[in-house]
Amino acid sequence: MTRTATSRAAAAGDAVVVGGGLAGVTAALSLADSGVRVTLLEGRPRLGGLAFSFRRGELTVDNGQHVYLRCCTAYRWFLDRVGGAALAPLQERLDVPVLDVARPPGRRLGRLRRDPLPVPLHLGRSLTAYPHLSLADRARVGRAAAALYRLDPADPALDARDFGGWLAEHGQSPRAVEALWDLIGVATLNARADDVSLALAAMVLRTGLLSGAGASDIGWARVPLGELHDTLARRALEEAGVQVLTRARATALERREDGRWRVALAEGAGGARTLATDAVVLAVPPRETHGLLPGGALEDAGRLLEIGHSPILNVHVVYDRKVLDAPFVAALGTPIQWAFDRTEASGLTEGQYLALSQSAADEDIDAPVADLRARYLPELERLLPLTRTAQVRDFFVTRERTATFAPAPGVGRLRPGARTRLPGLALAGAWTATGWPATMEGAVRSGVTAADAALASLGRTCLVRHAFAPDPAPAGTLPGAVA
């Protein structure tokens, strides 16, 4: 029997998922795989949320560069579930080239990479030889990493503290913060150390660097994100029996006297309509969730409006020739943070296409394209000498002003769990209380958790709840397994 036939034959109850990003798609798949009839509503004409692609001339462009780590077991499950794992492979072993343009030529390149050794020895040689830190800084980094691992990210007291202050207390110089902690943290948390909750920083760095020898190996899509998060996801949903309605925006929720739910949709070509369902998963941003929540759903729904956001800017440059001989590079001593080669993935057949991923981009997010061109092209010439003789064939930017929730101190108390106070109504989204920052991993985890909550109200069990590894063990002794 096919998955679709199995889902329909076993169906008992129905659910509506509002939002077709990674959280919503995951919730819909989890519900359908557990035997529920599901309708997925997405206001846009595509799925994928903020991890999507679009056409620009002959190129297929991702709105922003997205990567994941080997420790992101939920997102890896998602890739397997939609049949896209081979299209977004992981590095065999962590290897990040780091160029410092402020150093003399010939001494600019450093690497963060791991050896096939147990934690914490897997990174020892790399940090010992890392040229962008002094000998004293390297020694202090090791001691801070050990102290960081002893922290429990679930401790509410950590959420109230900022990571930058903790680093300073543990002897980390401004140079160590710039060349190591923020190099990793800005890319994963979308904020600098001074603006990050210590709880979230501890969770990310402990999980990514110290939960297993291979935990930090990097993976990224070798195809446009739309192929994974829209095309393949839509096919998986349809095969699971999920009814996918795009250009369908929910405008109101109401719990009826019989305990079922009424979902009102915006008026479209076919006129306004409503859906009746046993359960609803809201998988939309905090403000949109707040606008849809019925009274009494959360103890203090106003907290959703206190969750801030942090922007990401992506600068796209197409050159007439190859200028970067690596899949990506991280940068120091320049406004450029990370540069990725997107040539093959975009379909470009001549020259090279670089995407600069600029997290925590408050300074540049609203700058005119001409100003950004004048700022970033000279920086690329400083970073990559081959660009000095290359011709720029195209330059454009993509902006996500509310790309992620702001991981500021105190954000933990604002993030609600999946369960609400109303039976049959659950919340999903990377901004909910997943324990993770605003990542694809957090979004997928939230979708499974929300599906589990919705299924519990129907008296059913989420069959995919244990399909991926649980959150890392609490603070304690460093693990020793070799990945």
Protein backbone atom coordinates (compact mmCIF):
# COMPACT_ATOMS: atom_id res chain seq x y z
CA MET A 1 0.00 0.00 0.00
CA THR A 2 1.36 3.47 -0.85
CA ARG A 3 2.00 6.09 1.81
CA THR A 4 -0.99 8.07 0.46
CA ALA A 5 -3.30 5.08 0.61
CA THR A 6 -2.09 4.17 4.07
CA SER A 7 -2.65 7.72 5.36
CA ARG A 8 -6.13 7.96 3.93
CA ALA A 9 -7.15 4.48 5.00
CA ALA A 10 -6.06 5.10 8.57
CA ALA A 11 -7.33 8.68 8.70
CA ALA A 12 -9.18 9.56 11.88
CA GLY A 13 -9.82 13.26 12.26
CA ASP A 14 -8.62 16.19 10.25
CA ALA A 15 -6.34 19.17 10.69
CA VAL A 16 -5.54 22.48 9.05
CA VAL A 17 -1.99 23.79 9.04
CA VAL A 18 -1.69 27.54 8.50
CA GLY A 19 1.67 28.43 6.94
CA GLY A 20 3.78 26.63 4.35
CA GLY A 21 7.28 27.30 5.60
CA LEU A 22 9.49 24.51 6.91
CA ALA A 23 7.58 24.38 10.20
CA GLY A 24 4.20 24.14 8.50
CA VAL A 25 5.31 21.62 5.88
CA THR A 26 6.85 19.46 8.62
CA ALA A 27 3.71 19.67 10.75
CA ALA A 28 1.55 18.69 7.78
CA LEU A 29 3.76 15.72 6.89
CA SER A 30 3.88 14.57 10.52
CA LEU A 31 0.11 14.77 10.87
CA ALA A 32 -0.53 12.98 7.59
CA ASP A 33 2.04 10.28 8.35
CA SER A 34 0.20 9.72 11.63
CA GLY A 35 -3.12 9.12 9.88
CA VAL A 36 -4.83 12.53 9.85
CA ARG A 37 -6.44 14.24 6.87
CA VAL A 38 -4.56 17.51 6.43
CA THR A 39 -5.12 20.76 4.56
CA LEU A 40 -2.11 23.09 4.32
CA LEU A 41 -2.75 26.80 3.74
CA GLU A 42 -0.06 29.12 2.40
CA GLY A 43 -0.68 32.74 1.45
CA ARG A 44 2.17 32.86 -1.04
CA PRO A 45 2.14 31.03 -4.38
CA ARG A 46 4.96 28.76 -3.14
CA LEU A 47 6.10 26.78 -0.14
CA GLY A 48 9.34 27.19 1.79
CA GLY A 49 8.79 30.35 3.83
CA LEU A 50 11.96 32.45 3.90
CA ALA A 51 14.13 29.68 2.44
CA PHE A 52 13.04 30.00 -1.19
CA SER A 53 14.27 30.64 -4.72
CA PHE A 54 13.26 32.93 -7.58
CA ARG A 55 14.24 33.53 -11.19
CA ARG A 56 16.43 36.43 -12.30
CA GLY A 57 17.02 36.22 -16.02
CA GLU A 58 18.64 32.85 -16.64
CA LEU A 59 19.62 32.39 -12.99
CA THR A 60 17.72 30.62 -10.23
CA VAL A 61 18.54 32.62 -7.12
CA ASP A 62 18.09 31.74 -3.45
CA ASN A 63 16.80 34.65 -1.41
CA GLY A 64 19.62 33.91 1.03
CA GLN A 65 22.34 31.39 1.71
CA HIS A 66 21.24 28.67 4.13
CA VAL A 67 23.46 26.00 5.66
CA TYR A 68 22.97 23.32 8.28
CA LEU A 69 25.24 21.16 10.44
CA ARG A 70 25.51 17.43 10.98
CA CYS A 71 24.00 17.96 14.45
CA CYS A 72 20.82 19.25 12.77
CA THR A 73 19.21 15.84 12.86
CA ALA A 74 15.65 17.12 12.42
CA TYR A 75 16.44 19.01 9.22
CA ARG A 76 18.36 16.01 7.95
CA TRP A 77 15.24 13.92 8.63
CA PHE A 78 13.22 16.48 6.66
CA LEU A 79 15.59 16.21 3.71
CA ASP A 80 15.27 12.43 3.79
CA ARG A 81 11.49 12.66 4.09
CA VAL A 82 11.12 14.81 0.97
CA GLY A 83 13.78 12.90 -0.97
CA GLY A 84 16.35 15.69 -1.05
CA ALA A 85 19.23 14.46 1.14
CA ALA A 86 21.53 13.80 -1.82
CA LEU A 87 20.95 17.34 -3.08
CA ALA A 88 22.23 18.98 0.12
CA PRO A 89 25.20 16.85 1.24
CA LEU A 90 27.41 17.45 4.24
CA GLN A 91 31.13 18.01 4.23
CA GLU A 92 33.05 14.83 4.90
CA ARG A 93 34.74 16.76 7.69
CA LEU A 94 34.46 20.35 8.93
CA ASP A 95 36.74 22.69 6.96
CA VAL A 96 36.21 26.46 6.97
CA PRO A 97 38.77 28.72 5.26
CA VAL A 98 39.01 32.06 7.10
CA LEU A 99 40.67 35.01 5.35
CA ASP A 100 41.78 38.05 7.34
CA VAL A 101 42.29 40.93 4.91
CA ALA A 102 44.00 43.02 7.59
CA ARG A 103 46.95 40.63 7.68
CA PRO A 104 49.87 40.77 5.22
CA PRO A 105 49.53 38.76 1.99
CA GLY A 106 50.66 35.20 2.48
CA ARG A 107 49.51 35.19 6.11
CA ARG A 108 45.84 35.84 5.60
CA LEU A 109 44.49 32.30 5.41
CA GLY A 110 43.55 30.28 8.46
CA ARG A 111 41.34 27.22 8.70
CA LEU A 112 38.87 25.87 11.22
CA ARG A 113 38.70 22.14 10.65
CA ARG A 114 38.42 18.96 12.62
CA ASP A 115 40.48 15.82 12.90
CA PRO A 116 39.04 12.27 13.22
CA LEU A 117 39.53 12.32 16.99
CA PRO A 118 37.20 12.28 20.00
CA VAL A 119 35.72 15.47 21.43
CA PRO A 120 37.37 17.80 22.41
CA LEU A 121 40.56 16.70 20.64
CA HIS A 122 38.84 16.92 17.24
CA LEU A 123 39.38 20.69 17.12
CA GLY A 124 42.57 20.88 19.15
CA ARG A 125 45.09 20.97 16.31
CA SER A 126 43.01 23.47 14.34
CA LEU A 127 42.72 25.92 17.23
CA THR A 128 46.35 25.47 18.20
CA ALA A 129 47.42 26.46 14.69
CA TYR A 130 44.72 29.08 14.07
CA PRO A 131 46.76 32.11 12.94
CA HIS A 132 44.08 34.70 13.61
CA LEU A 133 44.47 34.39 17.39
CA SER A 134 47.52 34.97 19.58
CA LEU A 135 48.95 32.10 21.59
CA ALA A 136 47.44 33.56 24.75
CA ASP A 137 44.02 33.89 23.11
CA ARG A 138 44.12 30.28 21.92
CA ALA A 139 44.79 29.06 25.45
CA ARG A 140 41.99 31.18 26.88
CA VAL A 141 39.59 29.96 24.15
CA GLY A 142 40.11 26.37 25.29
CA ARG A 143 39.31 27.24 28.90
CA ALA A 144 36.21 29.21 27.87
CA ALA A 145 34.99 26.33 25.71
CA ALA A 146 35.29 23.96 28.67
CA ALA A 147 33.35 26.40 30.86
CA LEU A 148 30.72 26.83 28.16
CA TYR A 149 30.15 23.10 27.99
CA ARG A 150 29.46 22.97 31.72
CA LEU A 151 26.55 25.40 31.32
CA ASP A 152 22.99 24.11 31.12
CA PRO A 153 21.14 25.99 28.33
CA ALA A 154 17.84 25.12 30.02
CA ASP A 155 18.77 27.20 33.08
CA PRO A 156 16.48 30.27 33.00
CA ALA A 157 19.19 32.39 34.61
CA LEU A 158 21.34 32.00 31.49
CA ASP A 159 18.61 33.43 29.28
CA ALA A 160 18.75 36.71 31.21
CA ARG A 161 22.50 37.17 30.58
CA ASP A 162 24.27 38.27 27.41
CA PHE A 163 26.93 36.10 25.82
CA GLY A 164 29.36 38.98 25.28
CA GLY A 165 29.53 39.74 29.00
CA TRP A 166 30.10 36.08 29.80
CA LEU A 167 32.95 35.89 27.26
CA ALA A 168 34.60 38.94 28.79
CA GLU A 169 34.34 37.38 32.25
CA HIS A 170 36.10 34.31 30.88
CA GLY A 171 39.07 36.18 29.50
CA GLN A 172 38.03 36.44 25.86
CA SER A 173 39.65 39.42 24.15
CA PRO A 174 37.83 41.52 21.53
CA ARG A 175 40.03 39.82 18.94
CA ALA A 176 38.96 36.35 20.11
CA VAL A 177 35.32 37.40 19.96
CA GLU A 178 35.73 38.76 16.43
CA ALA A 179 37.90 35.96 15.01
CA LEU A 180 36.14 32.99 16.58
CA TRP A 181 33.05 33.42 18.74
CA ASP A 182 31.27 35.95 16.52
CA LEU A 183 32.54 34.26 13.38
CA ILE A 184 30.44 31.27 14.40
CA GLY A 185 27.77 33.01 16.45
CA VAL A 186 26.71 35.71 14.02
CA ALA A 187 26.14 33.15 11.29
CA THR A 188 24.10 30.81 13.50
CA LEU A 189 22.35 33.25 15.84
CA ASN A 190 22.02 36.32 13.58
CA ALA A 191 23.34 38.63 16.30
CA ARG A 192 26.63 39.58 17.87
CA ALA A 193 27.73 38.24 21.23
CA ASP A 194 26.67 41.34 23.19
CA ASP A 195 23.13 40.98 21.83
CA VAL A 196 22.72 37.23 22.35
CA SER A 197 21.14 35.31 25.20
CA LEU A 198 23.78 33.24 26.96
CA ALA A 199 21.35 30.31 26.98
CA LEU A 200 21.03 30.30 23.20
CA ALA A 201 24.76 30.81 22.67
CA ALA A 202 25.57 27.94 25.01
CA MET A 203 23.07 25.70 23.26
CA VAL A 204 24.42 26.45 19.76
CA LEU A 205 28.11 26.22 20.58
CA ARG A 206 27.82 23.18 22.84
CA THR A 207 25.69 21.35 20.28
CA GLY A 208 27.61 22.42 17.19
CA LEU A 209 31.14 22.09 18.51
CA LEU A 210 31.09 19.71 21.45
CA SER A 211 28.15 17.29 21.18
CA GLY A 212 30.04 14.99 18.81
CA ALA A 213 33.17 15.04 16.72
CA GLY A 214 31.26 15.47 13.48
CA ALA A 215 28.52 17.73 14.84
CA SER A 216 29.89 20.88 13.16
CA ASP A 217 30.34 19.46 9.65
CA ILE A 218 28.57 21.84 7.26
CA GLY A 219 25.94 20.97 4.69
CA TRP A 220 24.29 23.16 2.07
CA ALA A 221 22.05 22.79 -0.96
CA ARG A 222 23.76 22.15 -4.27
CA VAL A 223 20.46 23.00 -5.98
CA PRO A 224 18.14 25.98 -5.54
CA LEU A 225 16.35 25.93 -2.19
CA GLY A 226 13.04 26.03 -4.00
CA GLU A 227 13.71 22.58 -5.38
CA LEU A 228 13.98 21.21 -1.83
CA HIS A 229 11.48 23.29 0.13
CA ASP A 230 8.84 23.78 -2.57
CA THR A 231 9.06 21.25 -5.42
CA LEU A 232 10.12 18.18 -3.43
CA ALA A 233 8.18 19.21 -0.34
CA ARG A 234 5.00 19.70 -2.37
CA ARG A 235 5.42 16.28 -3.97
CA ALA A 236 5.93 14.64 -0.56
CA LEU A 237 2.84 16.39 0.80
CA GLU A 238 0.70 15.33 -2.13
CA GLU A 239 1.93 11.74 -1.87
CA ALA A 240 1.00 11.79 1.83
CA GLY A 241 -2.52 12.90 0.92
CA VAL A 242 -2.17 16.51 2.12
CA GLN A 243 -4.32 19.05 0.30
CA VAL A 244 -2.04 22.01 -0.43
CA LEU A 245 -3.74 25.37 -1.01
CA THR A 246 -1.43 28.22 -2.00
CA ARG A 247 -2.58 31.84 -2.26
CA ALA A 248 -4.85 30.91 0.63
CA ARG A 249 -4.53 33.19 3.65
CA ALA A 250 -6.25 32.48 6.95
CA THR A 251 -7.94 35.54 8.45
CA ALA A 252 -9.59 34.18 11.60
CA LEU A 253 -9.88 31.16 13.89
CA GLU A 254 -12.88 30.25 15.97
CA ARG A 255 -13.52 27.30 18.25
CA ARG A 256 -17.07 26.12 17.79
CA GLU A 257 -19.40 24.88 20.51
CA ASP A 258 -18.93 21.29 19.34
CA GLY A 259 -15.16 21.56 19.94
CA ARG A 260 -14.23 21.72 16.27
CA TRP A 261 -12.48 24.67 14.69
CA ARG A 262 -13.54 27.13 12.01
CA VAL A 263 -10.78 28.64 9.84
CA ALA A 264 -11.80 31.66 7.77
CA LEU A 265 -9.90 32.38 4.55
CA ALA A 266 -9.37 35.69 2.78
CA GLU A 267 -11.65 36.35 -0.16
CA GLY A 268 -10.07 35.24 -3.45
CA ALA A 269 -11.09 34.43 -6.98
CA GLY A 270 -13.55 31.84 -5.66
CA GLY A 271 -14.94 34.11 -2.96
CA ALA A 272 -14.51 33.88 0.80
CA ARG A 273 -14.66 30.44 2.37
CA THR A 274 -14.27 28.65 5.67
CA LEU A 275 -12.87 25.29 6.68
CA ALA A 276 -14.10 23.16 9.57
CA THR A 277 -11.52 20.95 11.23
CA ASP A 278 -10.69 19.04 14.40
CA ALA A 279 -7.27 20.62 14.93
CA VAL A 280 -5.26 23.64 13.77
CA VAL A 281 -1.52 24.22 13.68
CA LEU A 282 -0.52 27.87 13.35
CA ALA A 283 2.89 27.95 11.65
CA VAL A 284 3.23 31.66 10.90
CA PRO A 285 5.37 34.49 12.39
CA PRO A 286 4.68 35.82 15.90
CA ARG A 287 2.70 38.90 14.91
CA GLU A 288 0.54 36.98 12.47
CA THR A 289 0.01 34.32 15.11
CA HIS A 290 -1.02 36.97 17.62
CA GLY A 291 -3.57 38.33 15.16
CA LEU A 292 -5.13 34.90 14.62
CA LEU A 293 -5.11 33.56 18.18
CA PRO A 294 -8.53 33.32 19.84
CA GLY A 295 -8.83 34.76 23.32
CA GLY A 296 -7.52 32.54 26.06
CA ALA A 297 -5.21 30.52 23.81
CA LEU A 298 -2.11 31.69 25.69
CA GLU A 299 -1.69 32.94 29.22
CA ASP A 300 -0.17 36.18 27.91
CA ALA A 301 -0.48 36.42 24.13
CA GLY A 302 0.92 39.97 24.25
CA ARG A 303 4.37 38.51 24.81
CA LEU A 304 4.42 37.46 21.15
CA LEU A 305 4.57 41.14 20.20
CA GLU A 306 7.66 41.60 22.36
CA ILE A 307 9.69 39.11 20.31
CA GLY A 308 12.09 41.23 18.26
CA HIS A 309 13.55 40.42 14.90
CA SER A 310 16.95 40.57 13.26
CA PRO A 311 17.61 41.21 9.54
CA ILE A 312 19.76 39.40 7.01
CA LEU A 313 21.11 41.00 3.84
CA ASN A 314 22.38 38.95 0.91
CA VAL A 315 24.60 40.59 -1.69
CA HIS A 316 24.72 38.80 -5.06
CA VAL A 317 27.57 39.40 -7.51
CA VAL A 318 28.07 37.72 -10.89
CA TYR A 319 31.56 37.92 -12.39
CA ASP A 320 32.71 37.11 -15.90
CA ARG A 321 35.34 34.65 -14.59
CA LYS A 322 36.17 32.49 -11.60
CA VAL A 323 37.39 34.53 -8.62
CA LEU A 324 36.98 32.11 -5.70
CA ASP A 325 38.48 28.63 -5.75
CA ALA A 326 36.48 27.22 -2.83
CA PRO A 327 32.82 26.50 -2.06
CA PHE A 328 32.81 29.28 0.53
CA VAL A 329 35.06 31.45 2.65
CA ALA A 330 34.63 33.32 5.93
CA ALA A 331 36.18 36.75 6.28
CA LEU A 332 37.74 38.96 8.95
CA GLY A 333 38.86 42.58 8.78
CA THR A 334 36.10 43.47 6.31
CA PRO A 335 32.32 44.04 6.40
CA ILE A 336 31.99 40.82 4.38
CA GLN A 337 31.11 37.90 6.64
CA TRP A 338 30.76 34.84 4.37
CA ALA A 339 31.01 34.44 0.59
CA PHE A 340 29.52 31.38 -1.13
CA ASP A 341 29.96 30.09 -4.66
CA ARG A 342 26.43 29.66 -6.08
CA THR A 343 27.48 29.23 -9.72
CA GLU A 344 26.42 25.65 -10.35
CA ALA A 345 23.31 25.78 -8.16
CA SER A 346 22.00 28.87 -9.95
CA GLY A 347 22.46 27.42 -13.44
CA LEU A 348 25.15 29.93 -14.44
CA THR A 349 27.26 28.46 -17.27
CA GLU A 350 29.95 31.16 -17.64
CA GLY A 351 31.79 33.14 -15.00
CA GLN A 352 31.11 32.84 -11.26
CA TYR A 353 28.23 33.86 -9.02
CA LEU A 354 29.03 34.76 -5.40
CA ALA A 355 26.48 35.28 -2.64
CA LEU A 356 27.59 37.28 0.41
CA SER A 357 25.57 36.35 3.47
CA GLN A 358 25.39 39.26 5.91
CA SER A 359 23.74 38.41 9.20
CA ALA A 360 22.76 40.95 11.87
CA ALA A 361 22.67 43.44 8.99
CA ASP A 362 20.92 46.34 10.75
CA GLU A 363 23.42 48.86 9.35
CA ASP A 364 22.92 47.89 5.70
CA ILE A 365 19.44 46.41 5.47
CA ASP A 366 17.79 49.58 4.11
CA ALA A 367 20.77 50.99 2.19
CA PRO A 368 20.20 51.72 -1.53
CA VAL A 369 21.65 49.18 -3.95
CA ALA A 370 24.06 51.79 -5.34
CA ASP A 371 25.47 52.39 -1.86
CA LEU A 372 25.83 48.68 -1.22
CA ARG A 373 27.60 48.23 -4.55
CA ALA A 374 30.03 51.01 -3.66
CA ARG A 375 30.61 49.41 -0.25
CA TYR A 376 30.94 45.72 -1.10
CA LEU A 377 32.68 45.55 -4.48
CA PRO A 378 35.87 47.20 -3.14
CA GLU A 379 35.72 44.87 -0.13
CA LEU A 380 35.55 41.88 -2.46
CA GLU A 381 38.66 43.20 -4.23
CA ARG A 382 40.43 43.31 -0.86
CA LEU A 383 39.27 39.83 0.02
CA LEU A 384 39.64 38.06 -3.34
CA PRO A 385 42.42 39.54 -5.51
CA LEU A 386 41.12 37.88 -8.71
CA THR A 387 38.06 40.13 -8.59
CA ARG A 388 40.28 43.14 -9.38
CA THR A 389 40.61 42.12 -13.02
CA ALA A 390 37.16 40.58 -13.37
CA GLN A 391 34.10 42.27 -14.83
CA VAL A 392 30.92 42.52 -12.77
CA ARG A 393 28.07 41.27 -14.93
CA ASP A 394 25.33 41.65 -12.33
CA PHE A 395 24.93 43.04 -8.84
CA PHE A 396 21.75 42.83 -6.80
CA VAL A 397 20.62 42.33 -3.22
CA THR A 398 17.91 40.45 -1.37
CA ARG A 399 16.70 41.67 2.00
CA GLU A 400 14.89 39.90 4.81
CA ARG A 401 14.15 42.60 7.37
CA THR A 402 12.51 40.15 9.75
CA ALA A 403 14.63 37.13 8.84
CA THR A 404 14.83 35.67 12.35
CA PHE A 405 13.63 36.37 15.84
CA ALA A 406 16.19 38.39 17.79
CA PRO A 407 18.07 36.03 20.17
CA ALA A 408 18.36 38.79 22.78
CA PRO A 409 18.72 38.15 26.51
CA GLY A 410 15.28 37.39 27.93
CA VAL A 411 13.79 36.07 24.69
CA GLY A 412 13.35 32.63 26.24
CA ARG A 413 10.49 33.80 28.45
CA LEU A 414 8.68 35.19 25.39
CA ARG A 415 8.76 32.02 23.27
CA PRO A 416 5.64 29.89 23.74
CA GLY A 417 5.55 26.13 23.55
CA ALA A 418 3.61 24.21 20.94
CA ARG A 419 0.61 23.52 23.16
CA THR A 420 -1.95 26.24 23.76
CA ARG A 421 -4.69 26.39 26.40
CA LEU A 422 -7.32 25.50 23.78
CA PRO A 423 -7.61 21.82 22.79
CA GLY A 424 -6.79 21.20 19.16
CA LEU A 425 -4.77 24.39 18.64
CA ALA A 426 -0.96 24.19 18.42
CA LEU A 427 1.82 26.60 17.47
CA ALA A 428 4.84 26.00 15.23
CA GLY A 429 7.71 28.10 13.97
CA ALA A 430 11.40 28.50 14.66
CA TRP A 431 10.44 31.32 17.05
CA THR A 432 8.56 28.98 19.40
CA ALA A 433 10.23 27.33 22.40
CA THR A 434 12.34 24.76 20.58
CA GLY A 435 15.51 25.45 22.56
CA TRP A 436 17.17 26.26 19.22
CA PRO A 437 17.78 29.64 17.59
CA ALA A 438 15.95 30.66 14.40
CA THR A 439 17.31 27.96 12.11
CA MET A 440 15.92 25.43 9.66
CA GLU A 441 16.57 22.86 12.38
CA GLY A 442 14.44 24.76 14.87
CA ALA A 443 11.65 25.16 12.32
CA VAL A 444 11.48 21.42 11.59
CA ARG A 445 11.60 20.51 15.28
CA SER A 446 8.76 22.91 15.98
CA GLY A 447 6.65 21.36 13.24
CA VAL A 448 6.98 17.87 14.70
CA THR A 449 6.30 19.13 18.23
CA ALA A 450 3.20 21.02 17.08
CA ALA A 451 1.92 17.96 15.20
CA ASP A 452 2.44 15.91 18.36
CA ALA A 453 0.40 18.41 20.36
CA ALA A 454 -2.40 18.47 17.79
CA LEU A 455 -2.47 14.68 17.59
CA ALA A 456 -2.69 14.38 21.37
CA SER A 457 -5.93 16.37 21.24
CA LEU A 458 -7.25 13.82 18.75
CA GLY A 459 -6.20 10.89 20.89
CA ARG A 460 -3.51 9.86 18.42
CA THR A 461 0.26 9.43 18.59
CA CYS A 462 2.80 11.24 16.43
CA LEU A 463 4.53 8.45 14.54
CA VAL A 464 7.55 10.57 13.56
CA ARG A 465 8.20 12.12 16.97
CA HIS A 466 11.32 10.00 17.54
CA ALA A 467 12.51 9.98 13.94
CA PHE A 468 15.52 12.16 14.74
CA ALA A 469 17.92 12.59 17.63
CA PRO A 470 16.65 14.38 20.74
CA ASP A 471 18.21 17.55 22.05
CA PRO A 472 21.77 17.12 23.39
CA ALA A 473 22.23 15.85 26.90
CA PRO A 474 22.49 18.48 29.66
CA ALA A 475 25.80 19.87 30.81
CA GLY A 476 28.30 17.34 32.05
CA THR A 477 31.35 15.44 30.96
CA LEU A 478 32.57 16.00 27.43
CA PRO A 479 31.51 13.18 25.10
CA GLY A 480 34.15 11.03 23.46
CA ALA A 481 32.51 9.40 20.45
CA VAL A 482 34.21 9.81 17.08
CA ALA A 483 31.86 10.64 14.21
